Amino acid sequence: MAKKFNLREFQTALSQQLQAAATRDNTGSRLGFRVGEVNWLVSLSDTEEVLPVPPIVKVPGARRWFRGVANIRGNLYAVSDFSDFMGQGITPEHGDCRLLIPHHDFAVNAALLVRSTLGLKNIGRYQMLDERPASHPWVARKYVDEAGGAWFDMDFAQLLGNPEFLMVEAQIGN
């Protein structure tokens, strides 16, 4: 008989691991996540929570990548499909999708819809690429892992303050 999966216990354990990691010296630790076919990293100190996708209420007159609002523990969060925002297509809804919530210090009730999370990553083992400036201001750095896979390190402050990201109302032709 298959072992039952308790989502609440999983979320609690993951939350405890993230909080414990945040209190350690985690300068090399990042949370890995997948957006479309691209691997991303975000600093643990910039992340409040990662959670399964709750029901999302669509907002009329919004851009396609702005999925709507979600009630998370009594607070409304603006949910954006990060893949679609980046021009990589709509994130298909499935059980591995997650909402990535920025730390409350950013004072923005935003949530990024991502394809999946990839766990904690130690960028000390990665090679930082010394390339031309990133195509987007929210790409802080680029790395290559031991297997040659590319990773983009996110600057949440740059993303959350970007005028294009904040402009959720649909424009004529969008």
Protein backbone atom coordinates (compact mmCIF):
# COMPACT_ATOMS: atom_id res chain seq x y z
CA MET A 1 0.00 0.00 0.00
CA ALA A 2 1.34 3.40 -0.96
CA LYS A 3 2.29 5.76 1.82
CA LYS A 4 -0.10 8.72 2.16
CA PHE A 5 1.36 12.11 1.38
CA ASN A 6 0.49 14.77 3.91
CA LEU A 7 0.76 18.15 2.21
CA ARG A 8 0.52 20.09 5.46
CA GLU A 9 3.46 18.16 6.98
CA PHE A 10 5.47 18.69 3.78
CA GLN A 11 4.79 22.44 3.80
CA THR A 12 5.65 22.69 7.50
CA ALA A 13 8.91 20.79 7.00
CA LEU A 14 9.86 22.90 3.98
CA SER A 15 9.04 26.10 5.84
CA GLN A 16 11.15 25.00 8.81
CA GLN A 17 14.06 24.13 6.50
CA LEU A 18 13.86 27.52 4.78
CA GLN A 19 13.71 29.34 8.13
CA ALA A 20 16.63 27.32 9.50
CA ALA A 21 18.64 27.97 6.35
CA ALA A 22 17.85 31.68 6.58
CA THR A 23 19.40 31.86 10.07
CA ARG A 24 22.65 30.17 8.94
CA ASP A 25 25.38 31.72 6.87
CA ASN A 26 23.66 31.23 3.57
CA THR A 27 25.59 33.56 1.32
CA GLY A 28 26.06 30.65 -1.09
CA SER A 29 22.60 29.13 -0.65
CA ARG A 30 19.84 29.85 -3.10
CA LEU A 31 16.42 28.41 -3.73
CA GLY A 32 16.29 26.90 -7.21
CA PHE A 33 13.15 27.04 -9.30
CA ARG A 34 12.14 26.41 -12.88
CA VAL A 35 10.43 28.91 -15.16
CA GLY A 36 9.58 27.48 -18.55
CA GLU A 37 12.76 25.67 -19.53
CA VAL A 38 15.05 28.00 -17.55
CA ASN A 39 16.65 27.44 -14.13
CA TRP A 40 16.50 30.33 -11.69
CA LEU A 41 17.94 31.04 -8.25
CA VAL A 42 16.74 33.40 -5.55
CA SER A 43 18.36 34.31 -2.26
CA LEU A 44 16.73 32.73 0.77
CA SER A 45 16.71 36.10 2.50
CA ASP A 46 14.57 37.49 -0.35
CA THR A 47 12.02 34.69 -0.07
CA GLU A 48 9.17 34.56 2.41
CA GLU A 49 7.50 31.34 1.34
CA VAL A 50 6.93 28.79 -1.39
CA LEU A 51 3.52 27.19 -1.54
CA PRO A 52 1.22 25.15 -3.75
CA VAL A 53 -0.99 27.23 -6.00
CA PRO A 54 -4.29 28.17 -4.32
CA PRO A 55 -7.38 29.20 -6.30
CA ILE A 56 -6.70 32.34 -8.33
CA VAL A 57 -9.41 34.86 -9.20
CA LYS A 58 -8.91 36.35 -12.66
CA VAL A 59 -8.91 40.13 -13.04
CA PRO A 60 -10.64 41.56 -16.12
CA GLY A 61 -8.62 43.96 -18.22
CA ALA A 62 -5.26 42.61 -17.06
CA ARG A 63 -2.35 41.43 -19.15
CA ARG A 64 -2.24 37.73 -19.93
CA TRP A 65 0.75 37.08 -17.66
CA PHE A 66 -1.08 38.60 -14.69
CA ARG A 67 -3.04 35.57 -13.52
CA GLY A 68 -5.14 37.40 -10.93
CA VAL A 69 -5.32 37.51 -7.15
CA ALA A 70 -5.10 34.74 -4.58
CA ASN A 71 -6.15 34.71 -0.94
CA ILE A 72 -3.21 33.49 1.12
CA ARG A 73 -4.04 33.29 4.82
CA GLY A 74 -6.46 36.21 4.57
CA ASN A 75 -4.22 38.47 2.46
CA LEU A 76 -4.65 39.11 -1.25
CA TYR A 77 -1.60 38.52 -3.43
CA ALA A 78 -1.16 39.60 -7.05
CA VAL A 79 -0.16 36.45 -8.97
CA SER A 80 2.05 36.80 -12.04
CA ASP A 81 3.05 33.98 -14.38
CA PHE A 82 6.79 34.64 -14.48
CA SER A 83 7.32 32.48 -17.57
CA ASP A 84 4.65 34.34 -19.53
CA PHE A 85 5.97 37.69 -18.28
CA MET A 86 9.42 36.71 -19.59
CA GLY A 87 7.91 35.83 -22.98
CA GLN A 88 8.45 32.07 -22.55
CA GLY A 89 4.80 31.08 -22.75
CA ILE A 90 2.08 30.31 -20.24
CA THR A 91 2.97 28.07 -17.31
CA PRO A 92 0.75 24.99 -17.62
CA GLU A 93 -1.16 24.25 -14.44
CA HIS A 94 -0.03 21.04 -12.75
CA GLY A 95 0.79 19.71 -9.30
CA ASP A 96 4.44 20.82 -9.36
CA CYS A 97 3.59 24.50 -9.88
CA ARG A 98 4.32 26.75 -6.94
CA LEU A 99 3.88 30.33 -5.86
CA LEU A 100 7.08 32.05 -4.85
CA ILE A 101 6.34 34.78 -2.30
CA PRO A 102 8.93 37.57 -1.88
CA HIS A 103 10.00 38.49 1.65
CA HIS A 104 7.62 40.81 3.48
CA ASP A 105 10.41 43.43 3.71
CA PHE A 106 9.69 44.24 0.05
CA ALA A 107 6.22 45.41 1.19
CA VAL A 108 4.57 44.02 -1.95
CA ASN A 109 1.86 41.37 -1.90
CA ALA A 110 3.11 39.70 -5.05
CA ALA A 111 3.49 36.05 -5.95
CA LEU A 112 5.35 34.50 -8.86
CA LEU A 113 3.85 31.43 -10.48
CA VAL A 114 6.74 29.07 -11.30
CA ARG A 115 6.77 25.67 -12.98
CA SER A 116 8.45 23.90 -10.04
CA THR A 117 10.95 24.31 -7.25
CA LEU A 118 14.33 22.60 -7.44
CA GLY A 119 15.43 22.77 -3.81
CA LEU A 120 18.37 24.52 -2.18
CA LYS A 121 21.42 25.14 -4.36
CA ASN A 122 24.95 26.02 -3.30
CA ILE A 123 26.27 28.57 -5.78
CA GLY A 124 29.74 28.12 -4.30
CA ARG A 125 29.92 25.05 -6.51
CA TYR A 126 28.82 26.95 -9.61
CA GLN A 127 30.92 28.99 -11.98
CA MET A 128 29.83 32.60 -12.34
CA LEU A 129 29.79 33.69 -15.97
CA ASP A 130 31.47 36.93 -16.86
CA GLU A 131 29.30 37.98 -19.77
CA ARG A 132 27.77 41.11 -21.17
CA PRO A 133 25.12 42.81 -18.99
CA ALA A 134 21.92 40.82 -18.50
CA SER A 135 18.99 41.39 -20.80
CA HIS A 136 16.75 42.13 -17.79
CA PRO A 137 17.62 44.22 -14.72
CA TRP A 138 16.29 41.51 -12.39
CA VAL A 139 18.98 39.05 -13.54
CA ALA A 140 21.70 39.69 -10.96
CA ARG A 141 24.19 37.08 -12.18
CA LYS A 142 24.48 34.05 -14.42
CA TYR A 143 26.01 30.75 -13.34
CA VAL A 144 26.84 27.36 -14.78
CA ASP A 145 26.49 24.28 -12.57
CA GLU A 146 28.75 21.21 -12.48
CA ALA A 147 26.75 19.56 -15.29
CA GLY A 148 26.95 22.63 -17.55
CA GLY A 149 23.39 23.81 -16.83
CA ALA A 150 22.73 27.55 -16.88
CA TRP A 151 21.21 29.35 -13.86
CA PHE A 152 19.97 32.92 -13.53
CA ASP A 153 20.21 34.59 -10.12
CA MET A 154 17.16 36.80 -9.49
CA ASP A 155 17.26 40.25 -7.96
CA PHE A 156 13.75 40.40 -6.47
CA ALA A 157 14.02 44.12 -5.68
CA GLN A 158 14.71 44.90 -9.34
CA LEU A 159 11.80 42.75 -10.52
CA LEU A 160 9.29 44.08 -8.00
CA GLY A 161 10.24 47.68 -8.76
CA ASN A 162 10.30 47.29 -12.52
CA PRO A 163 7.69 49.49 -14.27
CA GLU A 164 6.94 46.77 -16.85
CA PHE A 165 6.23 44.24 -14.08
CA LEU A 166 4.04 46.73 -12.22
CA MET A 167 2.00 47.58 -15.35
CA VAL A 168 -0.59 44.80 -15.16
CA GLU A 169 -3.42 46.48 -17.04
CA ALA A 170 -3.82 45.25 -20.59
CA GLN A 171 -2.71 47.54 -23.35
CA ILE A 172 -4.57 47.68 -26.65
CA GLY A 173 -3.26 44.77 -28.69
CA ASN A 174 -1.96 42.76 -25.66
